Amino acid sequence: MATRPYTVIMVSYGNTLSCQGNYSYEPARACKEIEAANPGWRVVALVPGLHASGMHTFGRPYTASEQQQVDVWDIPAGAPPAGKAPNCS
């Protein structure tokens, strides 16, 4: 199997990582190999060549919030009656 050097950019839950290595010459196959070797990470870019030493990646903060339930049929007190626009007489 022919290989070539790639710089890889991966993401996982808002974190971004760049690394480099020799992977399959075919990008789709290289992507599968890299993701299999790095569970939980997803490849977003394969750049031919070795560029990771001069690269900076910026992740976004990942925050998980509690799921909130909303009752769409709950009408708050003071709401206009159905079929009547607010602030109309």
N, C-alpha and C. Protein backbone atom coordinates (compact mmCIF):
# COMPACT_ATOMS: atom_id res chain seq x y z
N MET A 1 0.84 -1.17 0.00
CA MET A 1 0.00 0.00 0.00
C MET A 1 0.89 1.24 0.00
N ALA A 2 0.59 2.15 -0.89
CA ALA A 2 1.35 3.40 -0.98
C ALA A 2 0.90 4.35 0.12
N THR A 3 1.86 5.03 0.72
CA THR A 3 1.54 6.01 1.76
C THR A 3 2.13 7.36 1.39
N ARG A 4 1.65 8.37 2.08
CA ARG A 4 2.18 9.71 1.89
C ARG A 4 2.06 10.45 3.22
N PRO A 5 2.87 11.48 3.44
CA PRO A 5 2.75 12.25 4.68
C PRO A 5 1.53 13.18 4.63
N TYR A 6 0.80 13.24 5.73
CA TYR A 6 -0.34 14.14 5.87
C TYR A 6 -0.24 14.89 7.19
N THR A 7 -0.76 16.09 7.19
CA THR A 7 -1.08 16.80 8.43
C THR A 7 -2.57 16.60 8.62
N VAL A 8 -2.95 16.15 9.81
CA VAL A 8 -4.33 15.80 10.10
C VAL A 8 -4.91 16.79 11.10
N ILE A 9 -6.12 17.25 10.86
CA ILE A 9 -6.84 18.07 11.82
C ILE A 9 -8.07 17.28 12.25
N MET A 10 -8.20 17.10 13.57
CA MET A 10 -9.29 16.32 14.13
C MET A 10 -10.04 17.13 15.19
N VAL A 11 -11.30 16.79 15.40
CA VAL A 11 -12.10 17.44 16.44
C VAL A 11 -12.77 16.38 17.31
N SER A 12 -13.01 16.76 18.58
CA SER A 12 -13.73 15.91 19.51
C SER A 12 -14.34 16.80 20.58
N TYR A 13 -15.66 16.92 20.59
CA TYR A 13 -16.39 17.69 21.59
C TYR A 13 -15.82 19.10 21.77
N GLY A 14 -15.56 19.77 20.68
CA GLY A 14 -15.09 21.15 20.74
C GLY A 14 -13.59 21.29 20.83
N ASN A 15 -12.87 20.21 21.08
CA ASN A 15 -11.41 20.26 21.10
C ASN A 15 -10.89 20.02 19.70
N THR A 16 -9.81 20.70 19.35
CA THR A 16 -9.21 20.54 18.03
C THR A 16 -7.77 20.10 18.20
N LEU A 17 -7.33 19.20 17.35
CA LEU A 17 -5.99 18.63 17.44
C LEU A 17 -5.38 18.54 16.05
N SER A 18 -4.09 18.86 15.95
CA SER A 18 -3.39 18.64 14.68
C SER A 18 -2.24 17.68 14.94
N CYS A 19 -2.02 16.78 14.01
CA CYS A 19 -0.91 15.85 14.10
C CYS A 19 -0.47 15.51 12.68
N GLN A 20 0.60 14.78 12.57
CA GLN A 20 1.09 14.42 11.24
C GLN A 20 1.60 13.00 11.26
N GLY A 21 1.62 12.39 10.08
CA GLY A 21 2.11 11.02 9.95
C GLY A 21 1.95 10.53 8.54
N ASN A 22 2.39 9.30 8.30
CA ASN A 22 2.27 8.68 6.98
C ASN A 22 1.03 7.79 6.98
N TYR A 23 0.15 8.05 6.04
CA TYR A 23 -1.11 7.31 5.93
C TYR A 23 -1.33 6.93 4.48
N SER A 24 -2.38 6.18 4.23
CA SER A 24 -2.71 5.72 2.88
C SER A 24 -2.74 6.89 1.90
N TYR A 25 -2.32 6.62 0.68
CA TYR A 25 -2.33 7.64 -0.37
C TYR A 25 -3.74 8.09 -0.70
N GLU A 26 -4.71 7.18 -0.51
CA GLU A 26 -6.12 7.51 -0.78
C GLU A 26 -6.70 8.24 0.43
N PRO A 27 -7.17 9.48 0.29
CA PRO A 27 -7.66 10.25 1.44
C PRO A 27 -8.80 9.59 2.22
N ALA A 28 -9.76 8.96 1.53
CA ALA A 28 -10.88 8.33 2.23
C ALA A 28 -10.39 7.18 3.11
N ARG A 29 -9.45 6.41 2.60
CA ARG A 29 -8.89 5.29 3.36
C ARG A 29 -8.04 5.82 4.52
N ALA A 30 -7.27 6.86 4.27
CA ALA A 30 -6.46 7.47 5.32
C ALA A 30 -7.34 7.97 6.46
N CYS A 31 -8.45 8.61 6.11
CA CYS A 31 -9.38 9.13 7.11
C CYS A 31 -9.90 8.00 7.99
N LYS A 32 -10.30 6.89 7.39
CA LYS A 32 -10.81 5.74 8.16
C LYS A 32 -9.74 5.17 9.07
N GLU A 33 -8.49 5.08 8.57
CA GLU A 33 -7.39 4.55 9.38
C GLU A 33 -7.13 5.44 10.60
N ILE A 34 -7.12 6.73 10.37
CA ILE A 34 -6.83 7.69 11.45
C ILE A 34 -7.94 7.67 12.50
N GLU A 35 -9.20 7.67 12.06
CA GLU A 35 -10.32 7.65 13.01
C GLU A 35 -10.36 6.34 13.78
N ALA A 36 -9.99 5.23 13.14
CA ALA A 36 -9.95 3.94 13.84
C ALA A 36 -8.87 3.93 14.91
N ALA A 37 -7.76 4.60 14.65
CA ALA A 37 -6.65 4.66 15.61
C ALA A 37 -6.89 5.69 16.71
N ASN A 38 -7.87 6.59 16.52
CA ASN A 38 -8.15 7.65 17.49
C ASN A 38 -9.64 7.67 17.81
N PRO A 39 -10.13 6.72 18.61
CA PRO A 39 -11.56 6.68 18.92
C PRO A 39 -12.01 7.98 19.62
N GLY A 40 -13.18 8.44 19.22
CA GLY A 40 -13.72 9.66 19.81
C GLY A 40 -13.32 10.92 19.06
N TRP A 41 -12.41 10.81 18.12
CA TRP A 41 -11.98 11.95 17.31
C TRP A 41 -12.48 11.78 15.89
N ARG A 42 -12.81 12.90 15.25
CA ARG A 42 -13.30 12.88 13.86
C ARG A 42 -12.35 13.72 13.01
N VAL A 43 -11.92 13.17 11.90
CA VAL A 43 -11.02 13.89 10.98
C VAL A 43 -11.84 14.93 10.22
N VAL A 44 -11.38 16.19 10.25
CA VAL A 44 -12.06 17.25 9.49
C VAL A 44 -11.20 17.74 8.33
N ALA A 45 -9.89 17.44 8.35
CA ALA A 45 -9.04 17.86 7.24
C ALA A 45 -7.79 16.98 7.16
N LEU A 46 -7.42 16.68 5.93
CA LEU A 46 -6.15 16.02 5.62
C LEU A 46 -5.40 16.95 4.68
N VAL A 47 -4.25 17.44 5.12
CA VAL A 47 -3.45 18.35 4.29
C VAL A 47 -2.20 17.60 3.87
N PRO A 48 -1.98 17.42 2.58
CA PRO A 48 -0.77 16.72 2.16
C PRO A 48 0.48 17.47 2.62
N GLY A 49 1.43 16.73 3.19
CA GLY A 49 2.67 17.34 3.67
C GLY A 49 2.71 17.39 5.19
N LEU A 50 3.87 17.79 5.72
CA LEU A 50 4.07 17.85 7.16
C LEU A 50 4.09 19.30 7.61
N HIS A 51 2.99 19.76 8.21
CA HIS A 51 2.85 21.16 8.59
C HIS A 51 2.48 21.37 10.06
N ALA A 52 2.33 20.30 10.82
CA ALA A 52 1.83 20.41 12.20
C ALA A 52 2.75 21.22 13.10
N SER A 53 4.05 21.25 12.82
CA SER A 53 4.96 21.97 13.72
C SER A 53 4.69 23.47 13.73
N GLY A 54 4.16 24.02 12.65
CA GLY A 54 3.88 25.45 12.60
C GLY A 54 2.39 25.75 12.70
N MET A 55 1.62 24.79 13.16
CA MET A 55 0.17 24.94 13.15
C MET A 55 -0.37 25.25 14.54
N HIS A 56 -1.42 26.06 14.57
CA HIS A 56 -2.13 26.36 15.82
C HIS A 56 -3.59 26.02 15.60
N THR A 57 -4.17 25.28 16.53
CA THR A 57 -5.58 24.96 16.43
C THR A 57 -6.32 25.64 17.57
N PHE A 58 -7.56 25.99 17.30
CA PHE A 58 -8.37 26.69 18.28
C PHE A 58 -9.67 25.92 18.45
N GLY A 59 -9.90 25.42 19.64
CA GLY A 59 -11.14 24.71 19.93
C GLY A 59 -12.17 25.68 20.48
N ARG A 60 -13.38 25.23 20.54
CA ARG A 60 -14.42 26.05 21.16
C ARG A 60 -14.79 25.37 22.46
N PRO A 61 -15.12 26.15 23.47
CA PRO A 61 -15.47 25.51 24.74
C PRO A 61 -16.76 24.70 24.59
N TYR A 62 -16.74 23.51 25.09
CA TYR A 62 -17.90 22.63 25.02
C TYR A 62 -18.61 22.66 26.36
N THR A 63 -19.84 23.04 26.35
CA THR A 63 -20.61 23.03 27.58
C THR A 63 -21.89 22.24 27.35
N ALA A 64 -22.14 21.36 28.26
CA ALA A 64 -23.37 20.58 28.20
C ALA A 64 -24.32 21.13 29.25
N SER A 65 -25.52 21.37 28.87
CA SER A 65 -26.50 21.88 29.83
C SER A 65 -27.59 20.85 30.03
N GLU A 66 -28.26 20.96 31.16
CA GLU A 66 -29.36 20.04 31.42
C GLU A 66 -30.47 20.29 30.43
N GLN A 67 -31.11 19.23 30.03
CA GLN A 67 -32.23 19.36 29.12
C GLN A 67 -33.42 19.91 29.91
N GLN A 68 -34.08 20.87 29.36
CA GLN A 68 -35.22 21.47 30.02
C GLN A 68 -36.49 21.04 29.31
N GLN A 69 -37.52 20.77 30.11
CA GLN A 69 -38.80 20.41 29.52
C GLN A 69 -39.66 21.65 29.42
N VAL A 70 -40.35 21.78 28.32
CA VAL A 70 -41.26 22.89 28.09
C VAL A 70 -42.61 22.32 27.69
N ASP A 71 -43.64 22.72 28.41
CA ASP A 71 -44.99 22.32 28.06
C ASP A 71 -45.55 23.37 27.12
N VAL A 72 -45.65 23.04 25.86
CA VAL A 72 -46.10 24.02 24.87
C VAL A 72 -47.56 24.40 25.04
N TRP A 73 -48.32 23.60 25.78
CA TRP A 73 -49.74 23.89 25.99
C TRP A 73 -49.99 24.66 27.29
N ASP A 74 -48.93 24.88 28.07
CA ASP A 74 -49.07 25.62 29.32
C ASP A 74 -49.17 27.11 29.00
N ILE A 75 -50.34 27.70 29.26
CA ILE A 75 -50.56 29.11 28.94
C ILE A 75 -50.31 29.92 30.22
N PRO A 76 -49.35 30.85 30.19
CA PRO A 76 -49.06 31.62 31.40
C PRO A 76 -50.23 32.54 31.77
N ALA A 77 -50.29 32.85 33.07
CA ALA A 77 -51.35 33.74 33.56
C ALA A 77 -51.25 35.09 32.86
N GLY A 78 -52.37 35.66 32.48
CA GLY A 78 -52.37 36.96 31.82
C GLY A 78 -52.23 36.88 30.32
N ALA A 79 -52.12 35.66 29.78
CA ALA A 79 -51.99 35.51 28.33
C ALA A 79 -53.33 35.84 27.68
N PRO A 80 -53.32 36.38 26.47
CA PRO A 80 -54.59 36.69 25.81
C PRO A 80 -55.35 35.41 25.49
N PRO A 81 -56.67 35.47 25.47
CA PRO A 81 -57.46 34.29 25.11
C PRO A 81 -57.12 33.84 23.68
N ALA A 82 -57.33 32.57 23.44
CA ALA A 82 -57.02 32.02 22.12
C ALA A 82 -57.80 32.78 21.04
N GLY A 83 -57.14 33.06 19.95
CA GLY A 83 -57.79 33.75 18.83
C GLY A 83 -57.82 35.25 18.96
N LYS A 84 -57.32 35.80 20.05
CA LYS A 84 -57.34 37.25 20.24
C LYS A 84 -55.90 37.74 20.32
N ALA A 85 -55.53 38.68 19.52
CA ALA A 85 -54.18 39.22 19.54
C ALA A 85 -53.92 40.01 20.82
N PRO A 86 -52.69 40.02 21.32
CA PRO A 86 -52.37 40.78 22.51
C PRO A 86 -52.54 42.28 22.27
N ASN A 87 -52.87 43.02 23.33
CA ASN A 87 -53.02 44.48 23.30
C ASN A 87 -54.11 44.94 22.32
N CYS A 88 -55.11 44.13 22.11
CA CYS A 88 -56.24 44.51 21.26
C CYS A 88 -57.51 44.46 22.09
N SER A 89 -58.45 45.36 21.83
CA SER A 89 -59.70 45.31 22.58
C SER A 89 -60.78 44.64 21.77
